[in-house]
Amino acid sequence: MSNRALLLVACGAPLAARLGDGVQAAYERGWDPYVVPTDAALPWLAEQNLGGVPVIVGNRKPTEPRRTPAADAVAVVPTTFHTLNAWATGNAYSYPLTTLCAALGSRTPTVAVPYASQELTGHPAWPASLTVLRQAGIRILDAHDGSPTSLEPMVPGTGSQVVDGFRWDWVFEQIDVATRIRESG
């Protein structure tokens, strides 16, 4: 155990098929990962080797203790149109969304990798939500190339190329940046 807790939130999109790689990358970088999937992400995780990390689903009962330590960082890989918009507007109606809203409110270093189609990213809520999250300090990366400054929508038929080309290094580099920003003040 490293005493550095990383919450890996996953939503239901093809990039969730790489969460096992994210768990391994977290261990290699000295993090203790905890997986917090949305209900829609669970089928994507079913056949993956998650290295025995805790997978936190559903809300806890009032008599149950907290299931994760306080997060030192959060990575949302992938985040969907649905979750990103709910998060930006403070809708904490599920455990993953409560986790994300709490991370935003506590200024926990957070990196998000959106995965949404051209049709969905054309909705007016999308750019507004991205702006809210970026202004709150969330590091948002393009799933195609890891860019923190541009964001391309998913083009139909290219999902497997994006998933295969995705690098967890991009996420951890931005976690490091966000952590340094938080520590500097």
C-alpha atoms as a PDB file:
ATOM      1  CA  MET A   1       0.000   0.000   0.000  1.00  0.00           C
ATOM      2  CA  SER A   2       1.329   3.393  -0.966  1.00  0.00           C
ATOM      3  CA  ASN A   3      -1.045   5.590   1.036  1.00  0.00           C
ATOM      4  CA  ARG A   4      -1.885   7.437  -2.196  1.00  0.00           C
ATOM      5  CA  ALA A   5      -5.469   6.629  -3.123  1.00  0.00           C
ATOM      6  CA  LEU A   6      -6.538   6.909  -6.752  1.00  0.00           C
ATOM      7  CA  LEU A   7     -10.219   6.555  -7.564  1.00  0.00           C
ATOM      8  CA  LEU A   8     -10.725   5.217 -11.086  1.00  0.00           C
ATOM      9  CA  VAL A   9     -14.248   6.097 -12.165  1.00  0.00           C
ATOM     10  CA  ALA A  10     -15.399   4.330 -15.328  1.00  0.00           C
ATOM     11  CA  CYS A  11     -18.491   4.945 -17.430  1.00  0.00           C
ATOM     12  CA  GLY A  12     -20.085   2.653 -19.990  1.00  0.00           C
ATOM     13  CA  ALA A  13     -18.182   3.254 -23.223  1.00  0.00           C
ATOM     14  CA  PRO A  14     -15.604   1.211 -25.148  1.00  0.00           C
ATOM     15  CA  LEU A  15     -12.625   2.851 -23.447  1.00  0.00           C
ATOM     16  CA  ALA A  16     -13.727   1.171 -20.198  1.00  0.00           C
ATOM     17  CA  ALA A  17     -12.306  -1.999 -21.757  1.00  0.00           C
ATOM     18  CA  ARG A  18      -8.843  -0.625 -20.883  1.00  0.00           C
ATOM     19  CA  LEU A  19      -9.478  -0.084 -17.163  1.00  0.00           C
ATOM     20  CA  GLY A  20      -7.374  -3.120 -16.232  1.00  0.00           C
ATOM     21  CA  ASP A  21      -4.423  -1.390 -17.903  1.00  0.00           C
ATOM     22  CA  GLY A  22      -5.157   1.690 -15.809  1.00  0.00           C
ATOM     23  CA  VAL A  23      -5.125  -0.357 -12.610  1.00  0.00           C
ATOM     24  CA  GLN A  24      -1.743  -1.824 -13.570  1.00  0.00           C
ATOM     25  CA  ALA A  25      -0.385   1.610 -14.491  1.00  0.00           C
ATOM     26  CA  ALA A  26      -1.564   2.982 -11.132  1.00  0.00           C
ATOM     27  CA  TYR A  27       0.281   0.255  -9.241  1.00  0.00           C
ATOM     28  CA  GLU A  28       3.426   0.855 -11.293  1.00  0.00           C
ATOM     29  CA  ARG A  29       3.313   4.532 -10.334  1.00  0.00           C
ATOM     30  CA  GLY A  30       2.811   3.924  -6.619  1.00  0.00           C
ATOM     31  CA  TRP A  31      -0.944   4.483  -6.352  1.00  0.00           C
ATOM     32  CA  ASP A  32      -3.527   2.382  -4.515  1.00  0.00           C
ATOM     33  CA  PRO A  33      -6.370   2.200  -7.055  1.00  0.00           C
ATOM     34  CA  TYR A  34     -10.072   1.817  -6.281  1.00  0.00           C
ATOM     35  CA  VAL A  35     -12.537   1.253  -9.123  1.00  0.00           C
ATOM     36  CA  VAL A  36     -15.855   3.136  -9.038  1.00  0.00           C
ATOM     37  CA  PRO A  37     -17.895   2.067 -12.093  1.00  0.00           C
ATOM     38  CA  THR A  38     -21.232   3.341 -13.259  1.00  0.00           C
ATOM     39  CA  ASP A  39     -23.849   0.646 -13.786  1.00  0.00           C
ATOM     40  CA  ALA A  40     -23.304   0.967 -17.536  1.00  0.00           C
ATOM     41  CA  ALA A  41     -19.556   0.313 -17.117  1.00  0.00           C
ATOM     42  CA  LEU A  42     -19.967  -3.006 -15.311  1.00  0.00           C
ATOM     43  CA  PRO A  43     -20.320  -5.131 -18.487  1.00  0.00           C
ATOM     44  CA  TRP A  44     -17.093  -3.618 -19.837  1.00  0.00           C
ATOM     45  CA  LEU A  45     -15.242  -4.643 -16.664  1.00  0.00           C
ATOM     46  CA  ALA A  46     -16.595  -8.180 -16.318  1.00  0.00           C
ATOM     47  CA  GLU A  47     -13.775  -9.999 -18.147  1.00  0.00           C
ATOM     48  CA  GLN A  48     -10.886  -7.746 -17.124  1.00  0.00           C
ATOM     49  CA  ASN A  49      -8.102  -8.454 -14.689  1.00  0.00           C
ATOM     50  CA  LEU A  50      -8.431  -5.620 -12.206  1.00  0.00           C
ATOM     51  CA  GLY A  51      -5.647  -6.937 -10.004  1.00  0.00           C
ATOM     52  CA  GLY A  52      -7.900  -7.585  -7.041  1.00  0.00           C
ATOM     53  CA  VAL A  53      -8.583  -3.894  -6.429  1.00  0.00           C
ATOM     54  CA  PRO A  54     -11.781  -2.955  -4.644  1.00  0.00           C
ATOM     55  CA  VAL A  55     -14.661  -2.344  -7.036  1.00  0.00           C
ATOM     56  CA  ILE A  56     -17.121  -0.026  -5.308  1.00  0.00           C
ATOM     57  CA  VAL A  57     -20.706  -0.286  -6.554  1.00  0.00           C
ATOM     58  CA  GLY A  58     -23.908   1.173  -5.201  1.00  0.00           C
ATOM     59  CA  ASN A  59     -24.361   3.431  -2.250  1.00  0.00           C
ATOM     60  CA  ARG A  60     -23.326   2.231   1.165  1.00  0.00           C
ATOM     61  CA  LYS A  61     -25.819   1.603   3.928  1.00  0.00           C
ATOM     62  CA  PRO A  62     -25.925   4.139   6.773  1.00  0.00           C
ATOM     63  CA  THR A  63     -24.302   1.633   9.134  1.00  0.00           C
ATOM     64  CA  GLU A  64     -21.469   0.745   6.760  1.00  0.00           C
ATOM     65  CA  PRO A  65     -18.073   2.443   7.021  1.00  0.00           C
ATOM     66  CA  ARG A  66     -16.621   4.456   4.184  1.00  0.00           C
ATOM     67  CA  ARG A  67     -15.381   2.097   1.462  1.00  0.00           C
ATOM     68  CA  THR A  68     -12.432   4.110   0.202  1.00  0.00           C
ATOM     69  CA  PRO A  69      -9.906   6.387   1.813  1.00  0.00           C
ATOM     70  CA  ALA A  70     -10.027  10.057   0.903  1.00  0.00           C
ATOM     71  CA  ALA A  71      -8.890  10.342  -2.703  1.00  0.00           C
ATOM     72  CA  ASP A  72      -5.527  11.883  -3.482  1.00  0.00           C
ATOM     73  CA  ALA A  73      -6.522  11.915  -7.164  1.00  0.00           C
ATOM     74  CA  VAL A  74      -9.363  10.834  -9.427  1.00  0.00           C
ATOM     75  CA  ALA A  75      -9.307   9.627 -13.037  1.00  0.00           C
ATOM     76  CA  VAL A  76     -12.554   9.330 -14.997  1.00  0.00           C
ATOM     77  CA  VAL A  77     -11.781   7.018 -17.909  1.00  0.00           C
ATOM     78  CA  PRO A  78     -13.957   7.156 -19.856  1.00  0.00           C
ATOM     79  CA  THR A  79     -16.567   9.696 -19.003  1.00  0.00           C
ATOM     80  CA  THR A  80     -19.686   9.691 -21.129  1.00  0.00           C
ATOM     81  CA  PHE A  81     -21.912  12.524 -22.288  1.00  0.00           C
ATOM     82  CA  HIS A  82     -24.428  11.592 -19.593  1.00  0.00           C
ATOM     83  CA  THR A  83     -21.991  11.516 -16.687  1.00  0.00           C
ATOM     84  CA  LEU A  84     -20.000  14.570 -17.749  1.00  0.00           C
ATOM     85  CA  ASN A  85     -23.114  16.742 -17.993  1.00  0.00           C
ATOM     86  CA  ALA A  86     -24.554  15.456 -14.704  1.00  0.00           C
ATOM     87  CA  TRP A  87     -21.200  16.034 -12.975  1.00  0.00           C
ATOM     88  CA  ALA A  88     -20.894  19.591 -14.294  1.00  0.00           C
ATOM     89  CA  THR A  89     -24.358  20.473 -13.002  1.00  0.00           C
ATOM     90  CA  GLY A  90     -23.851  18.860  -9.594  1.00  0.00           C
ATOM     91  CA  ASN A  91     -26.293  15.978 -10.046  1.00  0.00           C
ATOM     92  CA  ALA A  92     -24.952  13.461  -7.534  1.00  0.00           C
ATOM     93  CA  TYR A  93     -27.652  10.804  -7.902  1.00  0.00           C
ATOM     94  CA  SER A  94     -25.324   7.783  -8.081  1.00  0.00           C
ATOM     95  CA  TYR A  95     -22.214   6.739  -6.189  1.00  0.00           C
ATOM     96  CA  PRO A  96     -19.883   7.513  -9.124  1.00  0.00           C
ATOM     97  CA  LEU A  97     -21.444  10.964  -9.546  1.00  0.00           C
ATOM     98  CA  THR A  98     -21.292  11.630  -5.816  1.00  0.00           C
ATOM     99  CA  THR A  99     -17.611  10.665  -5.965  1.00  0.00           C
ATOM    100  CA  LEU A 100     -16.987  13.068  -8.849  1.00  0.00           C
ATOM    101  CA  CYS A 101     -18.948  15.947  -7.330  1.00  0.00           C
ATOM    102  CA  ALA A 102     -17.115  15.510  -4.020  1.00  0.00           C
ATOM    103  CA  ALA A 103     -13.747  15.463  -5.809  1.00  0.00           C
ATOM    104  CA  LEU A 104     -14.630  18.663  -7.627  1.00  0.00           C
ATOM    105  CA  GLY A 105     -15.833  20.326  -4.432  1.00  0.00           C
ATOM    106  CA  SER A 106     -12.699  19.344  -2.502  1.00  0.00           C
ATOM    107  CA  ARG A 107     -10.420  20.328  -5.409  1.00  0.00           C
ATOM    108  CA  THR A 108      -8.980  16.820  -5.575  1.00  0.00           C
ATOM    109  CA  PRO A 109      -6.705  16.549  -8.632  1.00  0.00           C
ATOM    110  CA  THR A 110      -8.941  15.023 -11.320  1.00  0.00           C
ATOM    111  CA  VAL A 111      -8.433  13.981 -14.919  1.00  0.00           C
ATOM    112  CA  ALA A 112     -11.325  13.129 -17.233  1.00  0.00           C
ATOM    113  CA  VAL A 113     -11.240  11.447 -20.644  1.00  0.00           C
ATOM    114  CA  PRO A 114     -14.550  12.044 -22.462  1.00  0.00           C
ATOM    115  CA  TYR A 115     -15.909   9.470 -24.872  1.00  0.00           C
ATOM    116  CA  ALA A 116     -18.904  10.850 -26.757  1.00  0.00           C
ATOM    117  CA  SER A 117     -20.177  10.760 -30.327  1.00  0.00           C
ATOM    118  CA  GLN A 118     -20.333  13.652 -32.763  1.00  0.00           C
ATOM    119  CA  GLU A 119     -24.105  13.817 -32.354  1.00  0.00           C
ATOM    120  CA  LEU A 120     -23.918  14.128 -28.579  1.00  0.00           C
ATOM    121  CA  THR A 121     -21.057  16.617 -28.545  1.00  0.00           C
ATOM    122  CA  GLY A 122     -23.148  18.830 -30.815  1.00  0.00           C
ATOM    123  CA  HIS A 123     -25.675  19.300 -28.015  1.00  0.00           C
ATOM    124  CA  PRO A 124     -25.406  22.774 -26.399  1.00  0.00           C
ATOM    125  CA  ALA A 125     -24.952  21.283 -22.922  1.00  0.00           C
ATOM    126  CA  TRP A 126     -21.637  19.673 -23.937  1.00  0.00           C
ATOM    127  CA  PRO A 127     -19.428  22.769 -24.377  1.00  0.00           C
ATOM    128  CA  ALA A 128     -21.040  24.416 -21.362  1.00  0.00           C
ATOM    129  CA  SER A 129     -20.274  21.392 -19.175  1.00  0.00           C
ATOM    130  CA  LEU A 130     -16.696  21.199 -20.432  1.00  0.00           C
ATOM    131  CA  THR A 131     -16.237  24.874 -19.578  1.00  0.00           C
ATOM    132  CA  VAL A 132     -17.626  24.418 -16.061  1.00  0.00           C
ATOM    133  CA  LEU A 133     -15.351  21.460 -15.363  1.00  0.00           C
ATOM    134  CA  ARG A 134     -12.243  23.067 -16.840  1.00  0.00           C
ATOM    135  CA  GLN A 135     -12.835  26.274 -14.870  1.00  0.00           C
ATOM    136  CA  ALA A 136     -13.120  24.140 -11.734  1.00  0.00           C
ATOM    137  CA  GLY A 137      -9.668  22.697 -12.420  1.00  0.00           C
ATOM    138  CA  ILE A 138     -10.575  19.364 -13.998  1.00  0.00           C
ATOM    139  CA  ARG A 139      -7.959  18.257 -16.535  1.00  0.00           C
ATOM    140  CA  ILE A 140      -9.826  17.054 -19.637  1.00  0.00           C
ATOM    141  CA  LEU A 141      -7.949  14.915 -22.162  1.00  0.00           C
ATOM    142  CA  ASP A 142      -8.733  13.859 -25.699  1.00  0.00           C
ATOM    143  CA  ALA A 143      -9.012  10.057 -25.919  1.00  0.00           C
ATOM    144  CA  HIS A 144      -7.455  10.137 -29.399  1.00  0.00           C
ATOM    145  CA  ASP A 145      -4.101  11.685 -28.511  1.00  0.00           C
ATOM    146  CA  GLY A 146      -4.091  12.771 -24.853  1.00  0.00           C
ATOM    147  CA  SER A 147      -4.283  16.462 -25.699  1.00  0.00           C
ATOM    148  CA  PRO A 148      -5.337  18.617 -22.735  1.00  0.00           C
ATOM    149  CA  THR A 149      -6.198  21.532 -25.030  1.00  0.00           C
ATOM    150  CA  SER A 150      -8.339  20.041 -27.802  1.00  0.00           C
ATOM    151  CA  LEU A 151     -11.143  17.521 -27.749  1.00  0.00           C
ATOM    152  CA  GLU A 152     -12.395  15.592 -30.762  1.00  0.00           C
ATOM    153  CA  PRO A 153     -15.680  13.662 -30.698  1.00  0.00           C
ATOM    154  CA  MET A 154     -15.821   9.950 -31.429  1.00  0.00           C
ATOM    155  CA  VAL A 155     -16.436   9.226 -35.092  1.00  0.00           C
ATOM    156  CA  PRO A 156     -18.626   6.190 -35.775  1.00  0.00           C
ATOM    157  CA  GLY A 157     -16.559   3.133 -36.657  1.00  0.00           C
ATOM    158  CA  THR A 158     -13.311   4.384 -35.069  1.00  0.00           C
ATOM    159  CA  GLY A 159     -13.869   3.224 -31.498  1.00  0.00           C
ATOM    160  CA  SER A 160     -11.505   0.256 -31.627  1.00  0.00           C
ATOM    161  CA  GLN A 161      -8.724   2.454 -33.053  1.00  0.00           C
ATOM    162  CA  VAL A 162      -9.189   4.975 -30.250  1.00  0.00           C
ATOM    163  CA  VAL A 163      -9.277   2.268 -27.587  1.00  0.00           C
ATOM    164  CA  ASP A 164      -6.171   0.540 -28.985  1.00  0.00           C
ATOM    165  CA  GLY A 165      -4.244   3.817 -29.267  1.00  0.00           C
ATOM    166  CA  PHE A 166      -5.152   5.132 -25.815  1.00  0.00           C
ATOM    167  CA  ARG A 167      -2.225   5.517 -23.392  1.00  0.00           C
ATOM    168  CA  TRP A 168      -2.642   5.624 -19.636  1.00  0.00           C
ATOM    169  CA  ASP A 169       0.601   7.625 -19.481  1.00  0.00           C
ATOM    170  CA  TRP A 170      -1.438  10.604 -20.709  1.00  0.00           C
ATOM    171  CA  VAL A 171      -3.708  10.333 -17.678  1.00  0.00           C
ATOM    172  CA  PHE A 172      -0.911   9.969 -15.149  1.00  0.00           C
ATOM    173  CA  GLU A 173       1.069  12.869 -16.630  1.00  0.00           C
ATOM    174  CA  GLN A 174      -1.971  15.096 -16.118  1.00  0.00           C
ATOM    175  CA  ILE A 175      -2.576  13.744 -12.605  1.00  0.00           C
ATOM    176  CA  ASP A 176       0.995  14.830 -11.844  1.00  0.00           C
ATOM    177  CA  VAL A 177       0.321  18.289 -13.322  1.00  0.00           C
ATOM    178  CA  ALA A 178      -2.917  18.666 -11.351  1.00  0.00           C
ATOM    179  CA  THR A 179      -1.218  17.512  -8.156  1.00  0.00           C
ATOM    180  CA  ARG A 180       1.607  20.040  -8.574  1.00  0.00           C
ATOM    181  CA  ILE A 181      -0.924  22.826  -9.216  1.00  0.00           C
ATOM    182  CA  ARG A 182      -2.830  21.921  -6.061  1.00  0.00           C
ATOM    183  CA  GLU A 183       0.331  21.734  -3.953  1.00  0.00           C
ATOM    184  CA  SER A 184       1.590  25.100  -5.200  1.00  0.00           C
ATOM    185  CA  GLY A 185      -1.419  26.856  -3.977  1.00  0.00           C
END
